[in-house]
């Protein structure tokens, strides 16, 4: 069996609108995580990383 995709949650939930500024996931990604298949989780993690990178750039 393929390696499980690790949940990017760091247990410091801080929602700003539809986005968790701690892990970078959207509310939909957070809600659907347990039902997602591996490719969906991989895509959600990549989106989260991109969002966090963008947040860091905008903060300085």
N, C-alpha and C. Protein backbone atom coordinates (compact mmCIF):
# COMPACT_ATOMS: atom_id res chain seq x y z
N UNK A 1 0.84 -1.19 0.00
CA UNK A 1 0.00 0.00 0.00
C UNK A 1 0.88 1.25 0.00
N UNK A 2 0.44 2.26 -0.73
CA UNK A 2 1.21 3.51 -0.84
C UNK A 2 1.24 4.24 0.50
N UNK A 3 2.30 4.97 0.69
CA UNK A 3 2.47 5.73 1.93
C UNK A 3 1.33 6.74 2.09
N UNK A 4 0.82 6.82 3.29
CA UNK A 4 -0.27 7.75 3.60
C UNK A 4 0.23 9.19 3.53
N UNK A 5 -0.61 10.09 3.05
CA UNK A 5 -0.26 11.52 2.99
C UNK A 5 -0.52 12.10 4.37
N UNK A 6 0.49 12.74 4.94
CA UNK A 6 0.37 13.30 6.28
C UNK A 6 -0.49 14.56 6.26
N UNK A 7 -1.37 14.66 7.22
CA UNK A 7 -2.22 15.82 7.38
C UNK A 7 -1.34 17.02 7.72
N UNK A 8 -1.47 18.14 6.99
CA UNK A 8 -0.63 19.31 7.24
C UNK A 8 -1.03 20.12 8.48
N UNK A 9 -2.07 19.71 9.17
CA UNK A 9 -2.53 20.43 10.35
C UNK A 9 -1.42 20.46 11.41
N UNK A 10 -1.21 21.64 12.00
CA UNK A 10 -0.22 21.77 13.08
C UNK A 10 -0.89 22.09 14.41
N UNK A 11 -2.20 21.90 14.46
CA UNK A 11 -3.01 22.09 15.68
C UNK A 11 -2.93 23.51 16.24
N UNK A 12 -2.78 24.47 15.35
CA UNK A 12 -2.83 25.88 15.72
C UNK A 12 -3.77 26.56 14.73
N UNK A 13 -5.03 26.18 14.78
CA UNK A 13 -6.00 26.64 13.80
C UNK A 13 -6.27 28.14 13.95
N UNK A 14 -6.07 28.86 12.86
CA UNK A 14 -6.34 30.29 12.81
C UNK A 14 -6.99 30.57 11.46
N UNK A 15 -8.31 30.65 11.46
CA UNK A 15 -9.01 30.88 10.21
C UNK A 15 -9.10 32.37 9.91
N UNK A 16 -8.82 32.69 8.67
CA UNK A 16 -8.97 34.04 8.16
C UNK A 16 -9.83 33.90 6.91
N UNK A 17 -11.11 34.17 7.06
CA UNK A 17 -12.03 33.93 5.95
C UNK A 17 -12.17 32.44 5.72
N UNK A 18 -11.81 31.99 4.52
CA UNK A 18 -11.93 30.59 4.14
C UNK A 18 -10.61 29.83 4.25
N UNK A 19 -9.62 30.44 4.90
CA UNK A 19 -8.27 29.88 4.89
C UNK A 19 -7.70 29.77 6.30
N UNK A 20 -7.06 28.64 6.58
CA UNK A 20 -6.32 28.49 7.84
C UNK A 20 -4.92 29.03 7.59
N UNK A 21 -4.56 30.09 8.30
CA UNK A 21 -3.24 30.70 8.09
C UNK A 21 -2.13 29.91 8.77
N UNK A 22 -2.47 28.87 9.52
CA UNK A 22 -1.44 28.04 10.14
C UNK A 22 -0.99 26.90 9.23
N UNK A 23 -1.96 26.20 8.60
CA UNK A 23 -1.59 25.07 7.74
C UNK A 23 -1.76 25.38 6.25
N UNK A 24 -2.50 26.44 5.92
CA UNK A 24 -2.67 26.83 4.51
C UNK A 24 -3.83 26.19 3.80
N UNK A 25 -4.58 25.33 4.49
CA UNK A 25 -5.71 24.66 3.82
C UNK A 25 -6.96 25.53 3.87
N UNK A 26 -7.82 25.31 2.89
CA UNK A 26 -9.12 25.97 2.87
C UNK A 26 -10.07 25.23 3.81
N UNK A 27 -11.18 25.87 4.15
CA UNK A 27 -12.18 25.20 4.99
C UNK A 27 -12.65 23.92 4.33
N UNK A 28 -12.84 23.95 3.02
CA UNK A 28 -13.30 22.75 2.30
C UNK A 28 -12.27 21.63 2.39
N UNK A 29 -10.99 21.97 2.22
CA UNK A 29 -9.94 20.95 2.33
C UNK A 29 -9.92 20.34 3.73
N UNK A 30 -10.09 21.17 4.75
CA UNK A 30 -10.09 20.69 6.13
C UNK A 30 -11.27 19.75 6.36
N UNK A 31 -12.46 20.17 5.93
CA UNK A 31 -13.67 19.36 6.11
C UNK A 31 -13.60 18.03 5.39
N UNK A 32 -13.04 18.03 4.20
CA UNK A 32 -13.07 16.84 3.34
C UNK A 32 -11.85 15.93 3.50
N UNK A 33 -10.88 16.31 4.31
CA UNK A 33 -9.60 15.59 4.39
C UNK A 33 -9.76 14.09 4.57
N UNK A 34 -10.56 13.67 5.53
CA UNK A 34 -10.68 12.24 5.83
C UNK A 34 -11.31 11.45 4.68
N UNK A 35 -12.09 12.10 3.85
CA UNK A 35 -12.75 11.42 2.72
C UNK A 35 -11.93 11.49 1.43
N UNK A 36 -10.87 12.29 1.43
CA UNK A 36 -10.07 12.44 0.21
C UNK A 36 -9.24 11.19 -0.07
N UNK A 37 -9.06 10.92 -1.33
CA UNK A 37 -8.17 9.86 -1.76
C UNK A 37 -6.76 10.45 -1.86
N UNK A 38 -5.76 9.58 -1.97
CA UNK A 38 -4.37 10.03 -1.96
C UNK A 38 -4.07 11.17 -2.95
N UNK A 39 -4.47 11.08 -4.23
CA UNK A 39 -4.17 12.18 -5.16
C UNK A 39 -4.80 13.51 -4.74
N UNK A 40 -6.00 13.44 -4.17
CA UNK A 40 -6.66 14.65 -3.70
C UNK A 40 -5.91 15.26 -2.52
N UNK A 41 -5.43 14.41 -1.63
CA UNK A 41 -4.65 14.90 -0.48
C UNK A 41 -3.35 15.53 -0.95
N UNK A 42 -2.70 14.90 -1.93
CA UNK A 42 -1.45 15.45 -2.46
C UNK A 42 -1.69 16.84 -3.05
N UNK A 43 -2.78 16.99 -3.78
CA UNK A 43 -3.11 18.29 -4.37
C UNK A 43 -3.43 19.31 -3.29
N UNK A 44 -4.16 18.90 -2.25
CA UNK A 44 -4.51 19.82 -1.16
C UNK A 44 -3.26 20.29 -0.43
N UNK A 45 -2.31 19.39 -0.22
CA UNK A 45 -1.05 19.75 0.45
C UNK A 45 -0.27 20.75 -0.42
N UNK A 46 -0.22 20.52 -1.72
CA UNK A 46 0.49 21.43 -2.61
C UNK A 46 -0.16 22.81 -2.62
N UNK A 47 -1.49 22.86 -2.65
CA UNK A 47 -2.19 24.15 -2.59
C UNK A 47 -1.89 24.86 -1.28
N UNK A 48 -1.89 24.10 -0.19
CA UNK A 48 -1.63 24.68 1.14
C UNK A 48 -0.21 25.26 1.20
N UNK A 49 0.77 24.53 0.67
CA UNK A 49 2.14 25.02 0.66
C UNK A 49 2.25 26.31 -0.14
N UNK A 50 1.58 26.36 -1.28
CA UNK A 50 1.62 27.57 -2.11
C UNK A 50 0.98 28.75 -1.39
N UNK A 51 -0.14 28.50 -0.71
CA UNK A 51 -0.80 29.58 0.03
C UNK A 51 0.09 30.10 1.15
N UNK A 52 0.71 29.20 1.89
CA UNK A 52 1.58 29.61 2.99
C UNK A 52 2.77 30.41 2.48
N UNK A 53 3.32 29.98 1.36
CA UNK A 53 4.44 30.70 0.75
C UNK A 53 4.01 32.12 0.38
N UNK A 54 2.81 32.25 -0.18
CA UNK A 54 2.28 33.56 -0.52
C UNK A 54 2.03 34.43 0.69
N UNK A 55 1.54 33.81 1.77
CA UNK A 55 1.32 34.57 3.01
C UNK A 55 2.62 35.09 3.59
N UNK A 56 3.65 34.25 3.57
CA UNK A 56 4.95 34.67 4.11
C UNK A 56 5.53 35.83 3.31
N UNK A 57 5.38 35.78 1.99
CA UNK A 57 5.89 36.87 1.13
C UNK A 57 5.15 38.18 1.43
N UNK A 58 3.83 38.09 1.63
CA UNK A 58 3.05 39.31 1.86
C UNK A 58 3.28 39.90 3.25
N UNK A 59 3.76 39.08 4.18
CA UNK A 59 4.02 39.57 5.54
C UNK A 59 5.41 40.17 5.68
N UNK A 60 6.23 39.93 4.71
CA UNK A 60 7.55 40.55 4.80
C UNK A 60 8.60 39.61 4.73
